[in-house]
Amino acid sequence: MTVTRIVPNIGAADPAAARALYAGVLGTEAAMRLGWTATFAKGASAPPRVSIASIRASGRPVRDIPVEVDDRDGVPGRARAVGIAVDHGPADEPWGVRLFIVRGPFGRLVKILCHA
């Protein structure tokens, strides 16, 4: 078996409100906008992506996600510049990552990390 894609979903009443964090701070682009869902992605091959959904087909709770970036120092400043609250960090963790946690536009905690 080969895993070809994993796309986490975050429940939200207004998926478009995710644009400030995922496009403005993290630099992704809107890959899909259907009103009830918006997918932000970057790159052409095996792109990291996150989907923001107001509903989930399975009816189960929507889960939060970590986001890995290559800009360990610039992202926290960009988050603060657009008014996204940083709840923790940035902090260098003993397991070799620098991370910080922001409260996204839907009240979810989003862990943003970079390997050292």
C-alpha atoms as a PDB file:
ATOM      1  CA  MET A   1       0.000   0.000   0.000  1.00  0.00           C
ATOM      2  CA  THR A   2       1.131   3.544  -0.772  1.00  0.00           C
ATOM      3  CA  VAL A   3      -0.272   6.568   1.010  1.00  0.00           C
ATOM      4  CA  THR A   4      -0.738   9.207  -1.667  1.00  0.00           C
ATOM      5  CA  ARG A   5      -2.316  12.007   0.337  1.00  0.00           C
ATOM      6  CA  ILE A   6      -3.379  12.916   3.847  1.00  0.00           C
ATOM      7  CA  VAL A   7      -5.608  15.961   4.258  1.00  0.00           C
ATOM      8  CA  PRO A   8      -6.724  16.819   7.789  1.00  0.00           C
ATOM      9  CA  ASN A   9      -9.955  18.763   8.285  1.00  0.00           C
ATOM     10  CA  ILE A  10     -10.800  21.440  10.841  1.00  0.00           C
ATOM     11  CA  GLY A  11     -14.461  22.110  11.601  1.00  0.00           C
ATOM     12  CA  ALA A  12     -15.502  25.723  11.082  1.00  0.00           C
ATOM     13  CA  ALA A  13     -18.657  27.731  10.485  1.00  0.00           C
ATOM     14  CA  ASP A  14     -16.798  30.045   8.065  1.00  0.00           C
ATOM     15  CA  PRO A  15     -13.960  28.219   6.247  1.00  0.00           C
ATOM     16  CA  ALA A  16     -12.923  31.417   4.408  1.00  0.00           C
ATOM     17  CA  ALA A  17     -11.805  32.907   7.733  1.00  0.00           C
ATOM     18  CA  ALA A  18      -8.811  30.555   7.603  1.00  0.00           C
ATOM     19  CA  ARG A  19      -7.180  32.639   4.885  1.00  0.00           C
ATOM     20  CA  ALA A  20      -5.277  34.951   7.297  1.00  0.00           C
ATOM     21  CA  LEU A  21      -3.451  32.079   8.985  1.00  0.00           C
ATOM     22  CA  TYR A  22      -3.005  29.529   6.221  1.00  0.00           C
ATOM     23  CA  ALA A  23      -2.462  31.881   3.258  1.00  0.00           C
ATOM     24  CA  GLY A  24      -1.289  35.081   4.953  1.00  0.00           C
ATOM     25  CA  VAL A  25       1.037  33.625   7.589  1.00  0.00           C
ATOM     26  CA  LEU A  26       1.974  30.211   6.182  1.00  0.00           C
ATOM     27  CA  GLY A  27       2.041  31.199   2.498  1.00  0.00           C
ATOM     28  CA  THR A  28      -0.293  28.550   1.091  1.00  0.00           C
ATOM     29  CA  GLU A  29      -2.733  29.182  -1.750  1.00  0.00           C
ATOM     30  CA  ALA A  30      -6.432  28.447  -1.983  1.00  0.00           C
ATOM     31  CA  ALA A  31      -6.510  25.169  -3.921  1.00  0.00           C
ATOM     32  CA  MET A  32     -10.264  24.683  -3.546  1.00  0.00           C
ATOM     33  CA  ARG A  33     -13.120  26.921  -2.391  1.00  0.00           C
ATOM     34  CA  LEU A  34     -16.657  25.554  -2.390  1.00  0.00           C
ATOM     35  CA  GLY A  35     -18.226  27.816   0.233  1.00  0.00           C
ATOM     36  CA  TRP A  36     -18.641  25.051   2.804  1.00  0.00           C
ATOM     37  CA  THR A  37     -14.987  23.991   2.500  1.00  0.00           C
ATOM     38  CA  ALA A  38     -11.682  25.631   1.578  1.00  0.00           C
ATOM     39  CA  THR A  39      -8.419  23.784   0.956  1.00  0.00           C
ATOM     40  CA  PHE A  40      -5.081  25.581   1.196  1.00  0.00           C
ATOM     41  CA  ALA A  41      -1.991  24.002  -0.387  1.00  0.00           C
ATOM     42  CA  LYS A  42       1.495  24.841  -1.603  1.00  0.00           C
ATOM     43  CA  GLY A  43       3.691  23.130  -4.143  1.00  0.00           C
ATOM     44  CA  ALA A  44       3.023  20.685  -6.939  1.00  0.00           C
ATOM     45  CA  SER A  45       4.321  17.319  -5.738  1.00  0.00           C
ATOM     46  CA  ALA A  46       3.224  15.824  -2.418  1.00  0.00           C
ATOM     47  CA  PRO A  47       2.098  19.251  -1.193  1.00  0.00           C
ATOM     48  CA  PRO A  48       1.423  19.864   2.455  1.00  0.00           C
ATOM     49  CA  ARG A  49      -2.203  20.848   2.763  1.00  0.00           C
ATOM     50  CA  VAL A  50      -4.913  21.530   5.259  1.00  0.00           C
ATOM     51  CA  SER A  51      -8.639  21.573   4.603  1.00  0.00           C
ATOM     52  CA  ILE A  52     -10.982  23.817   6.562  1.00  0.00           C
ATOM     53  CA  ALA A  53     -14.495  22.349   6.649  1.00  0.00           C
ATOM     54  CA  SER A  54     -17.795  23.396   8.168  1.00  0.00           C
ATOM     55  CA  ILE A  55     -18.999  19.781   8.081  1.00  0.00           C
ATOM     56  CA  ARG A  56     -17.412  16.341   8.167  1.00  0.00           C
ATOM     57  CA  ALA A  57     -18.938  13.465   6.247  1.00  0.00           C
ATOM     58  CA  SER A  58     -18.264  10.893   8.976  1.00  0.00           C
ATOM     59  CA  GLY A  59     -20.001  12.933  11.675  1.00  0.00           C
ATOM     60  CA  ARG A  60     -17.017  12.411  14.006  1.00  0.00           C
ATOM     61  CA  PRO A  61     -15.252  15.357  15.681  1.00  0.00           C
ATOM     62  CA  VAL A  62     -12.768  17.248  13.507  1.00  0.00           C
ATOM     63  CA  ARG A  63      -9.144  17.086  14.776  1.00  0.00           C
ATOM     64  CA  ASP A  64      -6.412  19.751  15.110  1.00  0.00           C
ATOM     65  CA  ILE A  65      -3.127  19.423  13.235  1.00  0.00           C
ATOM     66  CA  PRO A  66       0.573  20.256  13.412  1.00  0.00           C
ATOM     67  CA  VAL A  67       2.081  22.267  10.554  1.00  0.00           C
ATOM     68  CA  GLU A  68       5.774  21.904   9.706  1.00  0.00           C
ATOM     69  CA  VAL A  69       7.523  24.893   8.104  1.00  0.00           C
ATOM     70  CA  ASP A  70      11.082  25.707   7.027  1.00  0.00           C
ATOM     71  CA  ASP A  71      11.088  29.293   8.388  1.00  0.00           C
ATOM     72  CA  ARG A  72      11.755  28.788  12.077  1.00  0.00           C
ATOM     73  CA  ASP A  73      12.025  32.465  12.963  1.00  0.00           C
ATOM     74  CA  GLY A  74       9.730  34.408  10.610  1.00  0.00           C
ATOM     75  CA  VAL A  75       6.387  32.695  11.118  1.00  0.00           C
ATOM     76  CA  PRO A  76       5.699  33.856  14.715  1.00  0.00           C
ATOM     77  CA  GLY A  77       6.171  37.488  13.674  1.00  0.00           C
ATOM     78  CA  ARG A  78       3.869  37.104  10.685  1.00  0.00           C
ATOM     79  CA  ALA A  79       1.227  35.519  12.929  1.00  0.00           C
ATOM     80  CA  ARG A  80       1.375  38.415  15.374  1.00  0.00           C
ATOM     81  CA  ALA A  81       1.314  40.946  12.513  1.00  0.00           C
ATOM     82  CA  VAL A  82      -2.090  39.695  11.338  1.00  0.00           C
ATOM     83  CA  GLY A  83      -3.485  39.455  14.871  1.00  0.00           C
ATOM     84  CA  ILE A  84      -3.226  35.713  15.432  1.00  0.00           C
ATOM     85  CA  ALA A  85      -2.628  34.972  19.104  1.00  0.00           C
ATOM     86  CA  VAL A  86       0.512  32.963  19.875  1.00  0.00           C
ATOM     87  CA  ASP A  87      -0.362  30.735  22.847  1.00  0.00           C
ATOM     88  CA  HIS A  88       3.075  29.164  23.337  1.00  0.00           C
ATOM     89  CA  GLY A  89       6.639  29.762  22.213  1.00  0.00           C
ATOM     90  CA  PRO A  90       8.512  29.914  20.037  1.00  0.00           C
ATOM     91  CA  ALA A  91      10.427  27.328  22.036  1.00  0.00           C
ATOM     92  CA  ASP A  92      13.285  24.954  21.239  1.00  0.00           C
ATOM     93  CA  GLU A  93      12.172  21.533  22.418  1.00  0.00           C
ATOM     94  CA  PRO A  94      14.576  18.801  23.622  1.00  0.00           C
ATOM     95  CA  TRP A  95      13.491  16.443  20.810  1.00  0.00           C
ATOM     96  CA  GLY A  96      14.981  18.772  18.166  1.00  0.00           C
ATOM     97  CA  VAL A  97      12.144  20.998  17.023  1.00  0.00           C
ATOM     98  CA  ARG A  98      11.393  24.664  17.438  1.00  0.00           C
ATOM     99  CA  LEU A  99       7.677  25.114  17.870  1.00  0.00           C
ATOM    100  CA  PHE A 100       5.009  27.563  18.746  1.00  0.00           C
ATOM    101  CA  ILE A 101       1.292  27.237  19.088  1.00  0.00           C
ATOM    102  CA  VAL A 102      -1.252  29.695  17.748  1.00  0.00           C
ATOM    103  CA  ARG A 103      -4.953  29.911  18.290  1.00  0.00           C
ATOM    104  CA  GLY A 104      -6.417  29.742  14.813  1.00  0.00           C
ATOM    105  CA  PRO A 105      -9.438  31.686  13.603  1.00  0.00           C
ATOM    106  CA  PHE A 106     -11.807  28.969  14.860  1.00  0.00           C
ATOM    107  CA  GLY A 107     -10.430  28.692  18.394  1.00  0.00           C
ATOM    108  CA  ARG A 108      -8.361  25.608  17.576  1.00  0.00           C
ATOM    109  CA  LEU A 109      -4.773  25.332  18.673  1.00  0.00           C
ATOM    110  CA  VAL A 110      -2.420  24.893  15.703  1.00  0.00           C
ATOM    111  CA  LYS A 111       1.111  23.666  16.420  1.00  0.00           C
ATOM    112  CA  ILE A 112       3.636  25.147  13.985  1.00  0.00           C
ATOM    113  CA  LEU A 113       7.072  23.544  14.064  1.00  0.00           C
ATOM    114  CA  CYS A 114      10.423  23.411  12.319  1.00  0.00           C
ATOM    115  CA  HIS A 115      13.105  20.739  12.748  1.00  0.00           C
ATOM    116  CA  ALA A 116      16.416  22.131  13.974  1.00  0.00           C
END
